[in-house]
Protein backbone atom coordinates (compact mmCIF):
# COMPACT_ATOMS: atom_id res chain seq x y z
CA UNK A 1 0.00 0.00 0.00
CA UNK A 2 1.45 3.34 -1.04
CA UNK A 3 0.15 5.93 1.39
CA UNK A 4 2.84 8.48 2.20
CA UNK A 5 0.44 11.29 3.12
CA UNK A 6 -2.56 9.23 4.23
CA UNK A 7 -3.15 8.92 7.94
CA UNK A 8 -5.09 5.89 9.02
CA UNK A 9 -7.09 6.49 12.20
CA UNK A 10 -8.73 4.19 14.70
CA UNK A 11 -11.80 2.62 13.18
CA UNK A 12 -14.04 3.82 16.02
CA UNK A 13 -13.02 7.45 15.37
CA UNK A 14 -14.16 7.43 11.73
CA UNK A 15 -17.71 8.35 10.84
CA UNK A 16 -18.47 7.07 7.32
CA UNK A 17 -20.80 9.14 5.17
CA UNK A 18 -23.79 7.74 3.34
CA UNK A 19 -25.60 4.44 3.42
CA UNK A 20 -23.79 1.11 3.57
CA UNK A 21 -23.70 -0.69 0.19
CA UNK A 22 -21.29 -3.64 0.38
CA UNK A 23 -18.49 -5.16 2.46
CA UNK A 24 -15.45 -6.50 0.62
CA UNK A 25 -13.43 -9.16 2.44
CA UNK A 26 -10.16 -10.90 1.63
CA UNK A 27 -11.15 -14.58 1.59
CA UNK A 28 -13.20 -16.00 -1.28
CA UNK A 29 -16.57 -17.37 -0.24
CA UNK A 30 -18.13 -18.78 -3.38
CA UNK A 31 -15.11 -20.66 -4.81
CA UNK A 32 -14.59 -23.13 -1.92
CA UNK A 33 -18.30 -24.00 -1.89
CA UNK A 34 -18.21 -24.64 -5.64
CA UNK A 35 -15.10 -26.82 -5.17
CA UNK A 36 -16.89 -28.87 -2.51
CA UNK A 37 -19.88 -29.34 -4.83
CA UNK A 38 -17.60 -30.42 -7.70
CA UNK A 39 -15.75 -32.76 -5.35
CA UNK A 40 -18.99 -34.39 -4.25
CA UNK A 41 -20.04 -34.82 -7.88
CA UNK A 42 -16.68 -36.45 -8.63
CA UNK A 43 -17.26 -39.01 -5.86
CA UNK A 44 -20.27 -40.45 -7.72
CA UNK A 45 -18.54 -42.23 -10.67
CA UNK A 46 -17.13 -45.68 -10.06
CA UNK A 47 -13.56 -44.67 -10.95
CA UNK A 48 -10.77 -44.51 -8.38
CA UNK A 49 -8.84 -41.67 -10.02
CA UNK A 50 -11.95 -39.52 -10.40
CA UNK A 51 -12.87 -40.18 -6.76
CA UNK A 52 -9.37 -39.22 -5.64
CA UNK A 53 -9.69 -36.01 -7.61
CA UNK A 54 -13.02 -35.36 -5.89
CA UNK A 55 -11.43 -35.91 -2.47
CA UNK A 56 -8.62 -33.53 -3.46
CA UNK A 57 -11.15 -30.80 -4.38
CA UNK A 58 -12.98 -31.26 -1.09
CA UNK A 59 -9.75 -31.26 0.95
CA UNK A 60 -8.44 -28.09 -0.71
CA UNK A 61 -11.73 -26.27 -0.19
CA UNK A 62 -11.86 -27.28 3.48
CA UNK A 63 -8.26 -26.11 3.96
CA UNK A 64 -9.12 -22.71 2.45
CA UNK A 65 -12.25 -22.40 4.59
CA UNK A 66 -10.41 -23.39 7.76
CA UNK A 67 -6.93 -21.85 7.46
CA UNK A 68 -7.14 -18.75 5.25
CA UNK A 69 -7.78 -15.81 7.57
CA UNK A 70 -10.67 -13.64 6.51
CA UNK A 71 -10.76 -9.93 7.25
CA UNK A 72 -12.51 -6.88 5.89
CA UNK A 73 -10.63 -5.04 3.18
CA UNK A 74 -13.14 -2.23 2.71
CA UNK A 75 -16.72 -1.13 3.20
CA UNK A 76 -18.38 0.64 0.30
CA UNK A 77 -20.90 3.37 1.09
CA UNK A 78 -22.95 5.43 -1.37
CA UNK A 79 -20.76 8.50 -0.65
CA UNK A 80 -17.33 6.93 -0.17
CA UNK A 81 -15.18 3.96 0.74
CA UNK A 82 -13.78 2.98 4.13
CA UNK A 83 -10.45 1.23 3.60
CA UNK A 84 -9.11 -0.86 6.47
CA UNK A 85 -5.40 -0.59 7.16
CA UNK A 86 -4.65 -3.82 9.00
CA UNK A 87 -5.88 -7.37 9.40
CA UNK A 88 -7.75 -6.73 12.65
CA UNK A 89 -9.58 -3.69 11.23
CA UNK A 90 -8.28 -1.49 14.04
CA UNK A 91 -7.29 1.31 11.67
CA UNK A 92 -9.11 2.68 8.65
CA UNK A 93 -9.27 5.59 6.23
CA UNK A 94 -12.48 7.00 4.73
CA UNK A 95 -12.28 8.30 1.17
CA UNK A 96 -15.08 10.44 -0.25
CA UNK A 97 -15.79 9.71 -3.90
CA UNK A 98 -14.76 13.26 -4.84
CA UNK A 99 -11.24 12.56 -3.45
CA UNK A 100 -10.77 9.64 -5.86
CA UNK A 101 -9.26 10.66 -9.18
CA UNK A 102 -9.29 7.17 -10.67
CA UNK A 103 -9.84 3.59 -9.53
CA UNK A 104 -9.22 0.23 -11.14
CA UNK A 105 -9.14 -3.51 -10.57
CA UNK A 106 -5.98 -5.34 -11.60
CA UNK A 107 -5.77 -9.10 -12.22
CA UNK A 108 -2.04 -9.80 -12.46
CA UNK A 109 0.16 -12.72 -11.44
CA UNK A 110 -2.65 -14.53 -9.65
CA UNK A 111 -3.42 -11.48 -7.51
CA UNK A 112 -6.54 -9.37 -7.63
CA UNK A 113 -5.94 -5.83 -6.42
CA UNK A 114 -8.15 -2.81 -6.02
CA UNK A 115 -6.29 0.45 -6.75
CA UNK A 116 -7.49 3.91 -5.72
CA UNK A 117 -5.51 6.84 -7.16
CA UNK A 118 -5.93 9.87 -4.90
CA UNK A 119 -3.73 12.25 -6.90
CA UNK A 120 -1.20 14.05 -4.71
CA UNK A 121 -2.17 12.00 -1.66
CA UNK A 122 -0.90 8.84 -3.36
CA UNK A 123 -2.43 5.47 -4.11
CA UNK A 124 -4.12 2.88 -1.98
CA UNK A 125 -3.69 -0.70 -3.19
CA UNK A 126 -5.60 -3.51 -1.49
CA UNK A 127 -5.62 -7.23 -2.30
CA UNK A 128 -8.83 -9.25 -2.24
CA UNK A 129 -10.25 -12.39 -3.79
CA UNK A 130 -13.54 -10.46 -3.99
CA UNK A 131 -12.19 -7.76 -6.32
CA UNK A 132 -14.89 -8.45 -8.92
CA UNK A 133 -17.56 -7.87 -6.28
CA UNK A 134 -15.90 -4.54 -5.46
CA UNK A 135 -15.78 -3.69 -9.17
CA UNK A 136 -19.54 -4.17 -9.60
CA UNK A 137 -20.35 -2.02 -6.56
CA UNK A 138 -17.91 0.77 -7.43
CA UNK A 139 -18.88 0.77 -11.11
CA UNK A 140 -22.52 1.24 -10.14
CA UNK A 141 -21.62 4.19 -7.90
CA UNK A 142 -18.71 5.97 -9.64
CA UNK A 143 -18.38 4.59 -13.15
CA UNK A 144 -16.97 7.89 -14.47
CA UNK A 145 -13.79 7.47 -12.38
CA UNK A 146 -13.00 3.90 -13.47
CA UNK A 147 -9.74 3.70 -15.44
CA UNK A 148 -11.08 1.85 -18.51
CA UNK A 149 -14.16 4.10 -18.65
CA UNK A 150 -11.94 7.21 -18.68
CA UNK A 151 -9.78 5.74 -21.47
CA UNK A 152 -12.88 4.81 -23.50
CA UNK A 153 -14.30 8.33 -23.13
CA UNK A 154 -11.02 9.87 -24.32
CA UNK A 155 -10.90 7.57 -27.36
CA UNK A 156 -14.62 7.86 -28.17
CA UNK A 157 -14.20 10.62 -30.76
CA UNK A 158 -10.96 9.26 -32.17
CA UNK A 159 -11.54 7.46 -35.49
CA UNK A 160 -10.61 3.79 -35.48
CA UNK A 161 -8.14 2.80 -38.17
CA UNK A 162 -7.74 -0.69 -39.63
CA UNK A 163 -4.40 -1.38 -37.82
CA UNK A 164 -5.94 -0.22 -34.51
CA UNK A 165 -8.95 -2.48 -35.03
CA UNK A 166 -6.70 -5.47 -35.82
CA UNK A 167 -4.58 -4.78 -32.72
CA UNK A 168 -7.73 -4.58 -30.58
CA UNK A 169 -8.92 -7.94 -31.92
CA UNK A 170 -5.47 -9.48 -31.46
CA UNK A 171 -5.21 -8.18 -27.87
CA UNK A 172 -8.69 -9.41 -27.04
CA UNK A 173 -8.22 -12.97 -28.27
CA UNK A 174 -4.51 -13.49 -27.67
CA UNK A 175 -4.10 -12.29 -24.09
CA UNK A 176 -1.03 -13.70 -22.37
C-alpha atoms as a PDB file:
ATOM      1  CA  UNK A   1       0.000   0.000   0.000  1.00  0.00           C
ATOM      2  CA  UNK A   2       1.448   3.341  -1.044  1.00  0.00           C
ATOM      3  CA  UNK A   3       0.149   5.933   1.386  1.00  0.00           C
ATOM      4  CA  UNK A   4       2.840   8.479   2.198  1.00  0.00           C
ATOM      5  CA  UNK A   5       0.438  11.291   3.119  1.00  0.00           C
ATOM      6  CA  UNK A   6      -2.557   9.232   4.235  1.00  0.00           C
ATOM      7  CA  UNK A   7      -3.153   8.924   7.940  1.00  0.00           C
ATOM      8  CA  UNK A   8      -5.091   5.885   9.024  1.00  0.00           C
ATOM      9  CA  UNK A   9      -7.092   6.488  12.196  1.00  0.00           C
ATOM     10  CA  UNK A  10      -8.729   4.192  14.701  1.00  0.00           C
ATOM     11  CA  UNK A  11     -11.802   2.619  13.176  1.00  0.00           C
ATOM     12  CA  UNK A  12     -14.038   3.821  16.018  1.00  0.00           C
ATOM     13  CA  UNK A  13     -13.021   7.451  15.367  1.00  0.00           C
ATOM     14  CA  UNK A  14     -14.158   7.428  11.727  1.00  0.00           C
ATOM     15  CA  UNK A  15     -17.714   8.349  10.836  1.00  0.00           C
ATOM     16  CA  UNK A  16     -18.468   7.066   7.319  1.00  0.00           C
ATOM     17  CA  UNK A  17     -20.796   9.140   5.166  1.00  0.00           C
ATOM     18  CA  UNK A  18     -23.794   7.744   3.344  1.00  0.00           C
ATOM     19  CA  UNK A  19     -25.605   4.442   3.417  1.00  0.00           C
ATOM     20  CA  UNK A  20     -23.794   1.109   3.568  1.00  0.00           C
ATOM     21  CA  UNK A  21     -23.699  -0.689   0.193  1.00  0.00           C
ATOM     22  CA  UNK A  22     -21.290  -3.644   0.379  1.00  0.00           C
ATOM     23  CA  UNK A  23     -18.485  -5.157   2.463  1.00  0.00           C
ATOM     24  CA  UNK A  24     -15.450  -6.496   0.625  1.00  0.00           C
ATOM     25  CA  UNK A  25     -13.427  -9.158   2.439  1.00  0.00           C
ATOM     26  CA  UNK A  26     -10.157 -10.897   1.626  1.00  0.00           C
ATOM     27  CA  UNK A  27     -11.150 -14.579   1.585  1.00  0.00           C
ATOM     28  CA  UNK A  28     -13.203 -15.996  -1.280  1.00  0.00           C
ATOM     29  CA  UNK A  29     -16.570 -17.365  -0.245  1.00  0.00           C
ATOM     30  CA  UNK A  30     -18.129 -18.778  -3.385  1.00  0.00           C
ATOM     31  CA  UNK A  31     -15.111 -20.659  -4.814  1.00  0.00           C
ATOM     32  CA  UNK A  32     -14.590 -23.130  -1.916  1.00  0.00           C
ATOM     33  CA  UNK A  33     -18.298 -23.996  -1.893  1.00  0.00           C
ATOM     34  CA  UNK A  34     -18.208 -24.640  -5.643  1.00  0.00           C
ATOM     35  CA  UNK A  35     -15.101 -26.825  -5.175  1.00  0.00           C
ATOM     36  CA  UNK A  36     -16.885 -28.874  -2.511  1.00  0.00           C
ATOM     37  CA  UNK A  37     -19.881 -29.340  -4.828  1.00  0.00           C
ATOM     38  CA  UNK A  38     -17.600 -30.418  -7.697  1.00  0.00           C
ATOM     39  CA  UNK A  39     -15.748 -32.763  -5.349  1.00  0.00           C
ATOM     40  CA  UNK A  40     -18.994 -34.392  -4.248  1.00  0.00           C
ATOM     41  CA  UNK A  41     -20.043 -34.825  -7.884  1.00  0.00           C
ATOM     42  CA  UNK A  42     -16.685 -36.451  -8.632  1.00  0.00           C
ATOM     43  CA  UNK A  43     -17.256 -39.010  -5.863  1.00  0.00           C
ATOM     44  CA  UNK A  44     -20.269 -40.454  -7.722  1.00  0.00           C
ATOM     45  CA  UNK A  45     -18.542 -42.229 -10.674  1.00  0.00           C
ATOM     46  CA  UNK A  46     -17.125 -45.684 -10.055  1.00  0.00           C
ATOM     47  CA  UNK A  47     -13.558 -44.675 -10.954  1.00  0.00           C
ATOM     48  CA  UNK A  48     -10.766 -44.514  -8.384  1.00  0.00           C
ATOM     49  CA  UNK A  49      -8.838 -41.673 -10.022  1.00  0.00           C
ATOM     50  CA  UNK A  50     -11.950 -39.517 -10.399  1.00  0.00           C
ATOM     51  CA  UNK A  51     -12.874 -40.178  -6.760  1.00  0.00           C
ATOM     52  CA  UNK A  52      -9.368 -39.215  -5.636  1.00  0.00           C
ATOM     53  CA  UNK A  53      -9.690 -36.006  -7.614  1.00  0.00           C
ATOM     54  CA  UNK A  54     -13.023 -35.361  -5.891  1.00  0.00           C
ATOM     55  CA  UNK A  55     -11.430 -35.911  -2.472  1.00  0.00           C
ATOM     56  CA  UNK A  56      -8.621 -33.532  -3.463  1.00  0.00           C
ATOM     57  CA  UNK A  57     -11.146 -30.802  -4.384  1.00  0.00           C
ATOM     58  CA  UNK A  58     -12.980 -31.261  -1.095  1.00  0.00           C
ATOM     59  CA  UNK A  59      -9.752 -31.263   0.949  1.00  0.00           C
ATOM     60  CA  UNK A  60      -8.435 -28.092  -0.705  1.00  0.00           C
ATOM     61  CA  UNK A  61     -11.735 -26.271  -0.186  1.00  0.00           C
ATOM     62  CA  UNK A  62     -11.857 -27.281   3.475  1.00  0.00           C
ATOM     63  CA  UNK A  63      -8.257 -26.111   3.956  1.00  0.00           C
ATOM     64  CA  UNK A  64      -9.117 -22.715   2.449  1.00  0.00           C
ATOM     65  CA  UNK A  65     -12.250 -22.396   4.589  1.00  0.00           C
ATOM     66  CA  UNK A  66     -10.406 -23.390   7.755  1.00  0.00           C
ATOM     67  CA  UNK A  67      -6.932 -21.850   7.460  1.00  0.00           C
ATOM     68  CA  UNK A  68      -7.139 -18.752   5.250  1.00  0.00           C
ATOM     69  CA  UNK A  69      -7.777 -15.814   7.567  1.00  0.00           C
ATOM     70  CA  UNK A  70     -10.673 -13.637   6.506  1.00  0.00           C
ATOM     71  CA  UNK A  71     -10.760  -9.935   7.250  1.00  0.00           C
ATOM     72  CA  UNK A  72     -12.507  -6.880   5.886  1.00  0.00           C
ATOM     73  CA  UNK A  73     -10.625  -5.039   3.179  1.00  0.00           C
ATOM     74  CA  UNK A  74     -13.141  -2.233   2.707  1.00  0.00           C
ATOM     75  CA  UNK A  75     -16.719  -1.134   3.200  1.00  0.00           C
ATOM     76  CA  UNK A  76     -18.382   0.639   0.299  1.00  0.00           C
ATOM     77  CA  UNK A  77     -20.905   3.366   1.094  1.00  0.00           C
ATOM     78  CA  UNK A  78     -22.953   5.433  -1.366  1.00  0.00           C
ATOM     79  CA  UNK A  79     -20.758   8.504  -0.652  1.00  0.00           C
ATOM     80  CA  UNK A  80     -17.330   6.934  -0.172  1.00  0.00           C
ATOM     81  CA  UNK A  81     -15.181   3.962   0.741  1.00  0.00           C
ATOM     82  CA  UNK A  82     -13.785   2.977   4.134  1.00  0.00           C
ATOM     83  CA  UNK A  83     -10.445   1.228   3.596  1.00  0.00           C
ATOM     84  CA  UNK A  84      -9.107  -0.856   6.473  1.00  0.00           C
ATOM     85  CA  UNK A  85      -5.396  -0.592   7.165  1.00  0.00           C
ATOM     86  CA  UNK A  86      -4.654  -3.816   9.004  1.00  0.00           C
ATOM     87  CA  UNK A  87      -5.885  -7.366   9.397  1.00  0.00           C
ATOM     88  CA  UNK A  88      -7.751  -6.729  12.647  1.00  0.00           C
ATOM     89  CA  UNK A  89      -9.582  -3.687  11.230  1.00  0.00           C
ATOM     90  CA  UNK A  90      -8.280  -1.494  14.040  1.00  0.00           C
ATOM     91  CA  UNK A  91      -7.293   1.312  11.669  1.00  0.00           C
ATOM     92  CA  UNK A  92      -9.114   2.681   8.652  1.00  0.00           C
ATOM     93  CA  UNK A  93      -9.273   5.588   6.234  1.00  0.00           C
ATOM     94  CA  UNK A  94     -12.475   7.003   4.729  1.00  0.00           C
ATOM     95  CA  UNK A  95     -12.282   8.304   1.167  1.00  0.00           C
ATOM     96  CA  UNK A  96     -15.081  10.438  -0.248  1.00  0.00           C
ATOM     97  CA  UNK A  97     -15.792   9.713  -3.902  1.00  0.00           C
ATOM     98  CA  UNK A  98     -14.762  13.261  -4.841  1.00  0.00           C
ATOM     99  CA  UNK A  99     -11.238  12.561  -3.455  1.00  0.00           C
ATOM    100  CA  UNK A 100     -10.765   9.635  -5.861  1.00  0.00           C
ATOM    101  CA  UNK A 101      -9.261  10.664  -9.182  1.00  0.00           C
ATOM    102  CA  UNK A 102      -9.290   7.172 -10.672  1.00  0.00           C
ATOM    103  CA  UNK A 103      -9.840   3.594  -9.530  1.00  0.00           C
ATOM    104  CA  UNK A 104      -9.216   0.232 -11.145  1.00  0.00           C
ATOM    105  CA  UNK A 105      -9.144  -3.509 -10.569  1.00  0.00           C
ATOM    106  CA  UNK A 106      -5.978  -5.341 -11.603  1.00  0.00           C
ATOM    107  CA  UNK A 107      -5.773  -9.097 -12.218  1.00  0.00           C
ATOM    108  CA  UNK A 108      -2.041  -9.803 -12.457  1.00  0.00           C
ATOM    109  CA  UNK A 109       0.158 -12.725 -11.440  1.00  0.00           C
ATOM    110  CA  UNK A 110      -2.651 -14.532  -9.652  1.00  0.00           C
ATOM    111  CA  UNK A 111      -3.420 -11.484  -7.506  1.00  0.00           C
ATOM    112  CA  UNK A 112      -6.538  -9.373  -7.627  1.00  0.00           C
ATOM    113  CA  UNK A 113      -5.938  -5.829  -6.423  1.00  0.00           C
ATOM    114  CA  UNK A 114      -8.151  -2.807  -6.022  1.00  0.00           C
ATOM    115  CA  UNK A 115      -6.295   0.452  -6.748  1.00  0.00           C
ATOM    116  CA  UNK A 116      -7.488   3.913  -5.720  1.00  0.00           C
ATOM    117  CA  UNK A 117      -5.514   6.844  -7.161  1.00  0.00           C
ATOM    118  CA  UNK A 118      -5.932   9.873  -4.901  1.00  0.00           C
ATOM    119  CA  UNK A 119      -3.730  12.245  -6.904  1.00  0.00           C
ATOM    120  CA  UNK A 120      -1.203  14.049  -4.707  1.00  0.00           C
ATOM    121  CA  UNK A 121      -2.174  12.003  -1.664  1.00  0.00           C
ATOM    122  CA  UNK A 122      -0.898   8.835  -3.364  1.00  0.00           C
ATOM    123  CA  UNK A 123      -2.431   5.471  -4.108  1.00  0.00           C
ATOM    124  CA  UNK A 124      -4.120   2.881  -1.983  1.00  0.00           C
ATOM    125  CA  UNK A 125      -3.689  -0.701  -3.186  1.00  0.00           C
ATOM    126  CA  UNK A 126      -5.596  -3.514  -1.494  1.00  0.00           C
ATOM    127  CA  UNK A 127      -5.616  -7.230  -2.299  1.00  0.00           C
ATOM    128  CA  UNK A 128      -8.829  -9.249  -2.239  1.00  0.00           C
ATOM    129  CA  UNK A 129     -10.245 -12.386  -3.790  1.00  0.00           C
ATOM    130  CA  UNK A 130     -13.537 -10.459  -3.988  1.00  0.00           C
ATOM    131  CA  UNK A 131     -12.194  -7.756  -6.325  1.00  0.00           C
ATOM    132  CA  UNK A 132     -14.889  -8.449  -8.916  1.00  0.00           C
ATOM    133  CA  UNK A 133     -17.563  -7.873  -6.276  1.00  0.00           C
ATOM    134  CA  UNK A 134     -15.903  -4.537  -5.461  1.00  0.00           C
ATOM    135  CA  UNK A 135     -15.777  -3.685  -9.174  1.00  0.00           C
ATOM    136  CA  UNK A 136     -19.536  -4.170  -9.596  1.00  0.00           C
ATOM    137  CA  UNK A 137     -20.351  -2.023  -6.561  1.00  0.00           C
ATOM    138  CA  UNK A 138     -17.906   0.765  -7.429  1.00  0.00           C
ATOM    139  CA  UNK A 139     -18.877   0.772 -11.110  1.00  0.00           C
ATOM    140  CA  UNK A 140     -22.523   1.244 -10.139  1.00  0.00           C
ATOM    141  CA  UNK A 141     -21.617   4.194  -7.897  1.00  0.00           C
ATOM    142  CA  UNK A 142     -18.707   5.972  -9.635  1.00  0.00           C
ATOM    143  CA  UNK A 143     -18.378   4.588 -13.147  1.00  0.00           C
ATOM    144  CA  UNK A 144     -16.966   7.890 -14.473  1.00  0.00           C
ATOM    145  CA  UNK A 145     -13.790   7.467 -12.378  1.00  0.00           C
ATOM    146  CA  UNK A 146     -12.999   3.902 -13.471  1.00  0.00           C
ATOM    147  CA  UNK A 147      -9.736   3.703 -15.441  1.00  0.00           C
ATOM    148  CA  UNK A 148     -11.081   1.853 -18.511  1.00  0.00           C
ATOM    149  CA  UNK A 149     -14.160   4.101 -18.648  1.00  0.00           C
ATOM    150  CA  UNK A 150     -11.935   7.207 -18.681  1.00  0.00           C
ATOM    151  CA  UNK A 151      -9.784   5.739 -21.475  1.00  0.00           C
ATOM    152  CA  UNK A 152     -12.884   4.809 -23.504  1.00  0.00           C
ATOM    153  CA  UNK A 153     -14.302   8.329 -23.130  1.00  0.00           C
ATOM    154  CA  UNK A 154     -11.022   9.865 -24.323  1.00  0.00           C
ATOM    155  CA  UNK A 155     -10.905   7.566 -27.357  1.00  0.00           C
ATOM    156  CA  UNK A 156     -14.619   7.862 -28.175  1.00  0.00           C
ATOM    157  CA  UNK A 157     -14.200  10.618 -30.764  1.00  0.00           C
ATOM    158  CA  UNK A 158     -10.959   9.258 -32.174  1.00  0.00           C
ATOM    159  CA  UNK A 159     -11.536   7.457 -35.494  1.00  0.00           C
ATOM    160  CA  UNK A 160     -10.611   3.789 -35.483  1.00  0.00           C
ATOM    161  CA  UNK A 161      -8.136   2.803 -38.172  1.00  0.00           C
ATOM    162  CA  UNK A 162      -7.737  -0.695 -39.627  1.00  0.00           C
ATOM    163  CA  UNK A 163      -4.401  -1.376 -37.819  1.00  0.00           C
ATOM    164  CA  UNK A 164      -5.941  -0.220 -34.507  1.00  0.00           C
ATOM    165  CA  UNK A 165      -8.946  -2.484 -35.031  1.00  0.00           C
ATOM    166  CA  UNK A 166      -6.701  -5.466 -35.818  1.00  0.00           C
ATOM    167  CA  UNK A 167      -4.583  -4.777 -32.723  1.00  0.00           C
ATOM    168  CA  UNK A 168      -7.729  -4.584 -30.583  1.00  0.00           C
ATOM    169  CA  UNK A 169      -8.917  -7.944 -31.924  1.00  0.00           C
ATOM    170  CA  UNK A 170      -5.470  -9.477 -31.456  1.00  0.00           C
ATOM    171  CA  UNK A 171      -5.207  -8.181 -27.868  1.00  0.00           C
ATOM    172  CA  UNK A 172      -8.693  -9.412 -27.035  1.00  0.00           C
ATOM    173  CA  UNK A 173      -8.222 -12.972 -28.267  1.00  0.00           C
ATOM    174  CA  UNK A 174      -4.513 -13.490 -27.670  1.00  0.00           C
ATOM    175  CA  UNK A 175      -4.101 -12.286 -24.087  1.00  0.00           C
ATOM    176  CA  UNK A 176      -1.025 -13.699 -22.373  1.00  0.00           C
END
